[in-house]
Amino acid sequence: MSTSHAHGATPTSPTGALSPEQAFSDASIPEYSSEGGDWEAIVDAQHAGRADRMIINMGPAHPSTHGVMRLCLEMDGDIVEDLRPAIGYLHTGIEKTCEARTWTQGSAIVTRMDYVAPMFNEAAYTFAVEEIMGIAERIPERAQILRVLAMELCRIASHLVALGTGGNELGGSTLLTNGLREREYILNVFEAMSGLRMNHAYIRPGGVSGDLDEEGMKTLDVCLDWLEKRLPDFSKMLDDNPIFKKRFVDVAYLDQTGCMALGITGPRIKAAGLPLDMRKLEPRSGYDTYDFDIPVWHTSDAYGCYRIRYAEMIESLKIAKQARDRLYQCMGERFMIDDPKLARPAHLKVMADGQGNSYEHVREIMGQDMEKLIHHFKLVTEGFSVPAGQAYVELESPKGVIGCHVVSDGGTHPYRVHMRDPGFHNIQALPVLCEGGTLSDVVVAISSLDPVLGGVDR
């Protein structure tokens, strides 16, 4: 290889380094030429191997994923030529862990998958277990209402995170602060229901872990009134915002045919015009008795996904208000199945901090009612048995269709638990959504899917 220097520039050092004076002098920039050997063959091989493309990693932690995912991008300038999602960084073995826990403990395990919408993990698992046991029709009415309330408030909370983080990554920090502020009111209700603000283990086989007392109902009233007042702010900020629309309209396009081919559900398929919603197709917990609509949009893009999420929050608020009215009508009724072999004789959320059992209740089962003590001991330590069989249940989560397949061999632990997390299926659409577009639109495409990697990897 030989080197010639343009414009009579002074040759560089043997290492090729330039002095500061040379670095700032146009005349000092060297020109290189190569000849001899197999150089031409090397150049041809590089071009054949697409050496003109740049390979970059977006991640392992990057915007709008609510978890850890890596995208392998092949770029031609600013254009995405190829995209490959790399998952597994947040794998926790949740499904396998369920096999070593009792049926009731499973609710406390699966709630940690999609931790932004945990109530739907618990509900899908619980409904599948109840299907095998044949007790779905015996669940008390108040428990069913509380389940619907928990799921719909959780849907709003999930969409608030999706809108807030998606907007924040594009510079709209107000969306994030407002979204998290509204979400706090929902978490106050969850704390009143279960004693926890996340990882609730609230929806469990036989009913729910706790009731909403008078103080809890007041917290619910405050939450619903606040959401009714504040949710329209998102519509005012975004619907006709020219900057927001420039970033979202006609970006991350995927029509109805593409969604069906890839198994994509949730806001993405509704934004393509298909009202696919399991609350209408396979209603559980009395969803068929509530008045609500399934919103659709017809642009098949990221903007349509935003419009769907906002409309779903309004519909969920409508359902939650109906559930609140029904709860007032059945105050004091059972929230767990009336079966001592399945339901723990526990009175949760009666202490000042909203958790634990009252002293009077502990004294009763410890010193006055031996049968309750025996049932409590066996249910906590051993758990109840589920007849041999299997069941698969699907629900409509904020991200799409979530499914749970449970297999029992007749013991006190699941033989197999497998979850169909919608985020796992939705992220396979990323190559279709992003290839041919710009790097800046990748974040928009991800936010239109709203994946939570705890559910994707599980």
Foldseek 3Di string as FASTA:
>chain_A
DDWDAPPPADDDDPVRDDDPVLVPDPRNDTDGDDDDDCVVVVVVVCVVVVVLWDWDKQFLDHALAQDGKIWTFIDNDQFTAFIDIDFQPQFDCLFVVQQVDFQLCNLLRQLQQLFLQSLVSSVQSQVFLCVLQVCQVQFDLLLLLVSLLSQLLSLLLLLLCLQQRLVVVVPPNVSVVLSVVLNVLSLVLLCLAQVGSTSRSARGHFGGDADRAPVSLVSLVVSLVVCVVRLCVVCVCAVPDVVNCVLWQPALADALVRCVVLVAFALLNLQNPDQDFCCVVPNGSPSVVADFDRHGHHRSILVSSNVNSSRSSVRSSRSSVVSSVVCVVDPPDDRGRPDLQADQPAHALPDPSGGDGDPVSVCCCVPPNVVNVVSNVCCVPANHWGQFDKGKDWHQHNLGIKMWIWGHPGGRGTPGIDIDDSLLSVCVCLRVRRRRHGPVSSSSNSSSNSHNSSNNND
